[in-house]
N, C-alpha and C. Protein backbone atom coordinates (compact mmCIF):
# COMPACT_ATOMS: atom_id res chain seq x y z
N MET A 1 24.79 -33.09 30.45
CA MET A 1 25.31 -32.30 29.44
C MET A 1 24.32 -32.05 28.40
N ILE A 2 23.12 -32.75 28.14
CA ILE A 2 21.87 -32.33 27.60
C ILE A 2 21.23 -31.19 28.13
N LEU A 3 21.23 -31.30 29.30
CA LEU A 3 20.70 -29.85 30.43
C LEU A 3 21.34 -28.70 30.11
N THR A 4 22.76 -29.14 30.03
CA THR A 4 23.65 -27.81 29.88
C THR A 4 23.07 -27.14 28.62
N VAL A 5 23.21 -27.89 27.72
CA VAL A 5 22.74 -27.15 26.39
C VAL A 5 21.33 -26.53 26.20
N LEU A 6 20.53 -27.39 26.74
CA LEU A 6 19.16 -26.74 26.90
C LEU A 6 19.12 -25.52 27.77
N ALA A 7 20.03 -25.58 28.86
CA ALA A 7 19.89 -24.34 29.53
C ALA A 7 20.43 -23.31 29.09
N GLY A 8 21.56 -23.53 28.27
CA GLY A 8 21.96 -22.34 27.39
C GLY A 8 21.19 -21.95 26.44
N PHE A 9 20.58 -22.79 25.74
CA PHE A 9 19.44 -22.25 24.60
C PHE A 9 18.50 -21.36 25.25
N ALA A 10 18.18 -21.82 26.39
CA ALA A 10 16.77 -20.86 27.50
C ALA A 10 17.34 -19.76 27.61
N LEU A 11 18.58 -19.64 28.06
CA LEU A 11 19.26 -18.47 28.39
C LEU A 11 19.38 -17.42 27.22
N LEU A 12 20.07 -17.93 26.48
CA LEU A 12 19.99 -17.41 24.97
C LEU A 12 18.63 -16.74 24.47
N TYR A 13 17.71 -17.67 24.63
CA TYR A 13 16.05 -17.22 24.17
C TYR A 13 15.76 -16.14 25.02
N LEU A 14 15.81 -16.17 26.28
CA LEU A 14 15.49 -14.99 27.24
C LEU A 14 16.24 -13.90 27.06
N GLY A 15 17.56 -13.87 26.79
CA GLY A 15 18.38 -12.68 26.60
C GLY A 15 18.10 -12.01 25.22
N PHE A 16 17.95 -12.93 23.84
CA PHE A 16 17.55 -12.47 22.87
C PHE A 16 16.01 -11.67 22.92
N GLY A 17 15.25 -12.51 23.67
CA GLY A 17 13.98 -11.71 23.99
C GLY A 17 13.84 -10.60 24.63
N ALA A 18 14.58 -10.59 25.71
CA ALA A 18 14.85 -9.11 26.70
C ALA A 18 15.05 -7.99 25.77
N VAL A 19 16.25 -8.51 24.67
CA VAL A 19 16.77 -7.46 23.94
C VAL A 19 15.32 -6.68 23.13
N ILE A 20 14.81 -7.61 22.63
CA ILE A 20 13.84 -7.14 21.65
C ILE A 20 12.68 -6.70 22.24
N SER A 21 12.38 -7.14 23.53
CA SER A 21 11.23 -6.53 24.47
C SER A 21 11.54 -5.06 24.77
N VAL A 22 12.82 -4.80 25.08
CA VAL A 22 13.40 -3.34 25.44
C VAL A 22 13.20 -2.75 24.13
N LEU A 23 13.66 -3.02 22.92
CA LEU A 23 13.54 -2.47 21.52
C LEU A 23 11.98 -1.94 21.42
N ILE A 24 11.10 -2.90 21.84
CA ILE A 24 9.62 -2.94 21.10
C ILE A 24 8.99 -1.79 22.43
N TYR A 25 9.42 -1.97 23.60
CA TYR A 25 9.05 -1.09 24.61
C TYR A 25 9.27 0.35 24.33
N ARG A 26 10.56 0.80 23.82
CA ARG A 26 11.03 2.11 23.33
C ARG A 26 10.09 2.50 22.17
N ASP A 27 9.86 1.57 21.10
CA ASP A 27 9.42 1.79 19.80
C ASP A 27 7.90 2.11 20.26
N ALA A 28 7.33 1.45 21.19
CA ALA A 28 6.06 1.57 21.34
C ALA A 28 5.73 2.99 21.81
N LYS A 29 6.63 3.27 22.77
CA LYS A 29 6.23 4.54 23.57
C LYS A 29 6.60 5.65 22.73
N GLN A 30 7.74 5.48 21.77
CA GLN A 30 7.75 6.77 20.65
C GLN A 30 6.51 6.69 19.90
N ALA A 31 6.12 5.58 19.34
CA ALA A 31 4.82 5.57 18.32
C ALA A 31 3.35 6.04 19.17
N GLU A 32 3.68 6.38 20.52
CA GLU A 32 2.48 6.45 21.52
C GLU A 32 1.42 5.50 21.33
N LEU A 33 1.84 3.96 21.35
CA LEU A 33 0.72 3.04 21.30
C LEU A 33 0.51 2.86 23.02
N ASP A 34 -1.10 2.36 22.90
CA ASP A 34 -1.36 2.19 24.01
C ASP A 34 -0.63 0.67 24.92
N GLY A 35 -0.10 1.16 26.31
CA GLY A 35 0.51 0.12 26.94
C GLY A 35 1.90 -0.43 26.20
N PRO A 36 2.74 0.41 26.38
CA PRO A 36 4.09 -0.34 25.80
C PRO A 36 4.51 -1.50 26.62
N ARG A 37 4.42 -1.27 28.08
CA ARG A 37 5.10 -2.45 28.76
C ARG A 37 4.11 -3.71 28.45
N LYS A 38 2.90 -3.55 28.16
CA LYS A 38 2.10 -4.75 27.87
C LYS A 38 2.76 -5.36 26.59
N TRP A 39 3.12 -4.47 25.59
CA TRP A 39 3.40 -5.03 24.30
C TRP A 39 5.03 -5.72 24.52
N ALA A 40 5.66 -5.21 25.37
CA ALA A 40 7.14 -5.44 25.79
C ALA A 40 7.01 -6.95 26.33
N ALA A 41 5.96 -7.04 27.34
CA ALA A 41 5.90 -8.38 28.10
C ALA A 41 5.35 -9.47 27.16
N PHE A 42 4.29 -9.02 26.15
CA PHE A 42 3.77 -9.88 25.22
C PHE A 42 4.82 -10.61 24.37
N VAL A 43 5.73 -9.58 23.86
CA VAL A 43 6.55 -10.25 22.92
C VAL A 43 7.70 -11.06 23.64
N LEU A 44 8.08 -10.62 24.72
CA LEU A 44 8.95 -11.59 25.46
C LEU A 44 8.25 -13.13 25.91
N LEU A 45 7.18 -12.82 26.13
CA LEU A 45 6.25 -14.36 26.14
C LEU A 45 5.96 -15.16 25.27
N THR A 46 5.88 -14.38 23.97
CA THR A 46 5.29 -15.21 22.85
C THR A 46 6.43 -15.33 21.66
N GLY A 47 7.38 -14.41 21.86
CA GLY A 47 8.49 -14.47 20.72
C GLY A 47 8.20 -14.01 19.53
N GLY A 48 8.31 -14.69 18.23
CA GLY A 48 8.14 -14.27 17.14
C GLY A 48 6.64 -13.91 16.83
N ILE A 49 5.72 -14.80 17.21
CA ILE A 49 4.50 -14.17 16.88
C ILE A 49 4.17 -12.87 17.51
N GLY A 50 4.60 -12.63 18.63
CA GLY A 50 4.43 -11.49 19.40
C GLY A 50 4.92 -10.38 18.63
N PHE A 51 5.93 -10.34 18.10
CA PHE A 51 6.61 -9.54 17.32
C PHE A 51 5.80 -9.15 16.28
N LEU A 52 5.31 -10.06 15.53
CA LEU A 52 4.71 -9.88 14.14
C LEU A 52 3.44 -9.08 14.51
N LEU A 53 2.73 -9.67 15.58
CA LEU A 53 1.36 -8.94 16.18
C LEU A 53 1.75 -7.37 16.38
N TYR A 54 2.72 -7.12 17.20
CA TYR A 54 3.10 -5.73 17.33
C TYR A 54 3.44 -4.79 16.04
N LEU A 55 4.03 -5.62 15.18
CA LEU A 55 4.36 -4.74 13.79
C LEU A 55 2.99 -4.73 13.44
N SER A 56 2.00 -5.48 13.10
CA SER A 56 0.99 -5.32 12.80
C SER A 56 0.33 -4.27 13.52
N GLU A 57 0.10 -4.39 14.79
CA GLU A 57 -0.75 -2.99 15.33
C GLU A 57 -0.04 -1.85 15.23
N LYS A 58 1.34 -1.73 14.86
CA LYS A 58 1.91 -0.52 15.14
C LYS A 58 1.58 -0.09 13.62
N ASP A 59 1.54 -0.63 12.60
CA ASP A 59 1.12 -0.18 11.17
C ASP A 59 -0.14 0.33 11.24
N THR A 60 -1.21 -0.36 11.96
CA THR A 60 -2.46 0.10 12.08
C THR A 60 -2.63 1.65 12.77
N ALA A 61 -1.73 1.56 13.91
CA ALA A 61 -1.66 2.79 14.71
C ALA A 61 -1.10 3.94 13.83
N VAL A 62 -0.18 3.71 13.03
CA VAL A 62 0.64 4.67 12.11
C VAL A 62 -0.32 5.27 11.00
N HIS A 63 -0.83 4.21 10.20
CA HIS A 63 -1.48 4.48 9.06
C HIS A 63 -3.00 4.38 9.28
N ASP A 64 -3.73 5.28 9.19
CA ASP A 64 -5.34 5.15 9.68
C ASP A 64 -5.85 4.55 8.20
N PRO A 65 -6.82 3.47 8.45
CA PRO A 65 -7.21 2.77 7.41
C PRO A 65 -8.72 3.62 7.03
N ALA A 66 -9.12 4.79 7.53
CA ALA A 66 -9.88 5.57 7.03
C ALA A 66 -9.59 6.41 5.88
N ASP A 67 -8.19 6.83 5.94
CA ASP A 67 -7.89 7.31 4.57
C ASP A 67 -7.93 6.62 3.21
N ALA A 68 -7.81 5.30 3.32
CA ALA A 68 -7.73 4.47 2.15
C ALA A 68 -9.04 4.54 1.39
N ASP A 69 -8.90 4.57 0.37
CA ASP A 69 -10.07 4.29 -0.54
C ASP A 69 -9.96 3.09 -1.42
N PRO A 70 -10.89 2.02 -1.06
CA PRO A 70 -10.63 0.90 -1.99
C PRO A 70 -11.38 0.87 -3.25
N PHE A 71 -12.03 2.07 -3.35
CA PHE A 71 -12.80 2.10 -4.85
C PHE A 71 -11.85 2.79 -6.17
N SER A 72 -10.70 3.37 -5.37
CA SER A 72 -9.99 3.93 -6.22
C SER A 72 -8.41 3.72 -6.31
N LEU A 73 -7.94 3.71 -7.54
CA LEU A 73 -6.23 3.27 -7.64
C LEU A 73 -5.63 4.55 -7.33
N PRO A 74 -4.22 4.24 -6.76
CA PRO A 74 -3.51 5.29 -6.42
C PRO A 74 -3.07 6.13 -7.58
N GLY A 75 -3.25 7.62 -7.19
CA GLY A 75 -2.90 8.55 -8.56
C GLY A 75 -4.06 8.82 -9.39
N SER A 76 -5.22 8.03 -9.12
CA SER A 76 -6.45 8.15 -9.99
C SER A 76 -7.07 9.46 -9.72
N SER A 77 -7.86 9.95 -10.48
CA SER A 77 -8.52 11.28 -10.06
C SER A 77 -10.03 10.79 -9.95
N THR A 78 -10.73 11.66 -8.98
CA THR A 78 -12.19 11.46 -8.96
C THR A 78 -12.92 12.25 -9.98
N ASP A 79 -12.69 13.04 -10.49
CA ASP A 79 -13.33 14.07 -11.57
C ASP A 79 -13.25 13.38 -13.02
N THR A 80 -14.21 12.67 -13.61
CA THR A 80 -14.56 12.11 -14.57
C THR A 80 -14.49 12.90 -15.72
N THR A 81 -14.65 14.07 -15.53
CA THR A 81 -15.03 15.08 -16.73
C THR A 81 -13.56 15.30 -17.16
N SER A 82 -12.55 15.50 -16.55
CA SER A 82 -11.12 15.71 -17.13
C SER A 82 -10.75 14.38 -17.76
N THR A 83 -10.93 13.45 -17.33
CA THR A 83 -10.58 12.31 -17.96
C THR A 83 -11.38 11.96 -19.13
N ASP A 84 -12.39 12.17 -19.53
CA ASP A 84 -12.82 12.16 -20.50
C ASP A 84 -12.67 13.15 -21.61
N THR A 85 -12.42 14.46 -21.47
CA THR A 85 -12.20 15.37 -21.90
C THR A 85 -10.46 15.08 -22.76
N GLU A 86 -9.78 14.68 -21.85
CA GLU A 86 -8.17 14.22 -22.31
C GLU A 86 -8.42 13.12 -23.29
N THR A 87 -9.18 11.88 -22.92
CA THR A 87 -9.28 10.61 -24.03
C THR A 87 -10.52 11.07 -25.03
N GLY A 88 -11.09 12.32 -25.22
CA GLY A 88 -11.55 12.80 -26.06
C GLY A 88 -12.93 11.94 -26.32
N THR A 89 -13.50 11.27 -25.36
CA THR A 89 -14.82 10.53 -25.43
C THR A 89 -15.92 11.19 -24.97
N GLY A 90 -15.74 12.56 -24.00
CA GLY A 90 -16.89 13.21 -23.58
C GLY A 90 -17.28 14.44 -24.47
N THR A 91 -16.64 14.98 -25.45
CA THR A 91 -16.88 16.30 -25.83
C THR A 91 -17.57 16.06 -27.28
N GLY A 92 -17.14 15.06 -27.92
CA GLY A 92 -17.80 14.83 -29.33
C GLY A 92 -16.99 15.49 -30.24
N THR A 93 -15.95 16.46 -29.90
CA THR A 93 -15.38 17.09 -30.97
C THR A 93 -14.30 16.12 -31.89
N ASP A 94 -13.71 15.23 -31.23
CA ASP A 94 -12.90 14.15 -31.79
C ASP A 94 -13.42 13.69 -32.92
N ALA A 95 -14.87 13.27 -32.47
CA ALA A 95 -15.49 12.27 -33.24
C ALA A 95 -15.81 12.98 -34.42
N ASP A 96 -16.11 14.33 -34.45
CA ASP A 96 -16.46 15.09 -35.75
C ASP A 96 -15.18 15.55 -36.53
N SER A 97 -13.86 15.56 -36.01
CA SER A 97 -12.84 15.71 -36.76
C SER A 97 -12.40 14.58 -37.34
N THR A 98 -12.56 13.30 -36.71
CA THR A 98 -12.62 11.79 -37.35
C THR A 98 -13.51 11.79 -38.72
N THR A 99 -14.68 12.02 -38.43
CA THR A 99 -15.48 12.03 -39.58
C THR A 99 -15.22 13.13 -40.78
N ASN A 100 -14.60 13.98 -40.36
CA ASN A 100 -14.15 15.13 -41.70
C ASN A 100 -12.86 14.53 -42.26
N THR A 101 -12.01 13.92 -41.36
CA THR A 101 -10.84 13.30 -42.15
C THR A 101 -11.33 12.25 -42.86
N ASP A 102 -12.46 11.21 -42.37
CA ASP A 102 -12.77 10.23 -43.37
C ASP A 102 -13.34 10.97 -44.59
N THR A 103 -14.14 11.93 -44.58
CA THR A 103 -14.68 12.74 -45.85
C THR A 103 -13.68 13.11 -46.72
N ASP A 104 -12.68 13.71 -46.23
CA ASP A 104 -11.53 14.17 -47.03
C ASP A 104 -10.60 13.09 -47.60
N THR A 105 -10.70 12.06 -47.17
CA THR A 105 -9.86 10.96 -47.55
C THR A 105 -10.78 10.31 -48.59
N THR A 106 -12.14 10.15 -48.61
CA THR A 106 -12.81 9.80 -49.61
C THR A 106 -12.91 10.88 -50.72
N THR A 107 -12.91 11.84 -50.53
CA THR A 107 -12.77 13.00 -51.59
C THR A 107 -11.50 12.85 -52.45
N ASP A 108 -10.61 12.93 -51.56
CA ASP A 108 -9.18 12.40 -52.46
C ASP A 108 -9.15 11.11 -53.05
N GLN A 109 -10.04 10.27 -52.45
CA GLN A 109 -9.79 8.89 -53.53
C GLN A 109 -10.76 9.06 -55.00
N GLN A 110 -11.82 9.74 -54.67
CA GLN A 110 -12.55 10.12 -55.96
C GLN A 110 -11.50 10.89 -56.97
N HIS A 111 -10.89 11.73 -56.43
CA HIS A 111 -10.12 12.66 -57.27
C HIS A 111 -9.08 11.66 -57.81
N ASP A 112 -8.22 10.77 -57.36
CA ASP A 112 -7.31 9.79 -57.57
C ASP A 112 -8.08 8.96 -59.01
N THR A 113 -9.25 8.48 -58.60
CA THR A 113 -9.86 7.78 -59.39
C THR A 113 -10.42 8.47 -60.81
N ALA A 114 -10.54 9.64 -60.70
CA ALA A 114 -11.19 10.49 -61.82
C ALA A 114 -10.09 10.88 -62.74
N GLU A 115 -8.82 10.81 -62.10
CA GLU A 115 -7.77 11.36 -63.05
C GLU A 115 -7.37 10.25 -63.67
């Protein structure tokens, strides 16, 4: 009885592994990975670990790591002058206008005190 159950699980594992291996073979061939037969056999023999390694290899093959820049945030610009101009720290014009506003405020306070 136990041998029959174990044989059933073994056949189920091999059947499931065979289906996954066929899918891996087709996907590896479509993604133009090296050795789609090797990947299919590897996944059949190793199971879930082979499948995870295949996904990792496919991700590396599809996305070139040379395109990534680890020193910049997504969507950030490499031009610092436009950032400084937008924030007002590069030109000095905003600092002058702030000073003028403070002077005007001081003048207004003096007029209010004199009245």
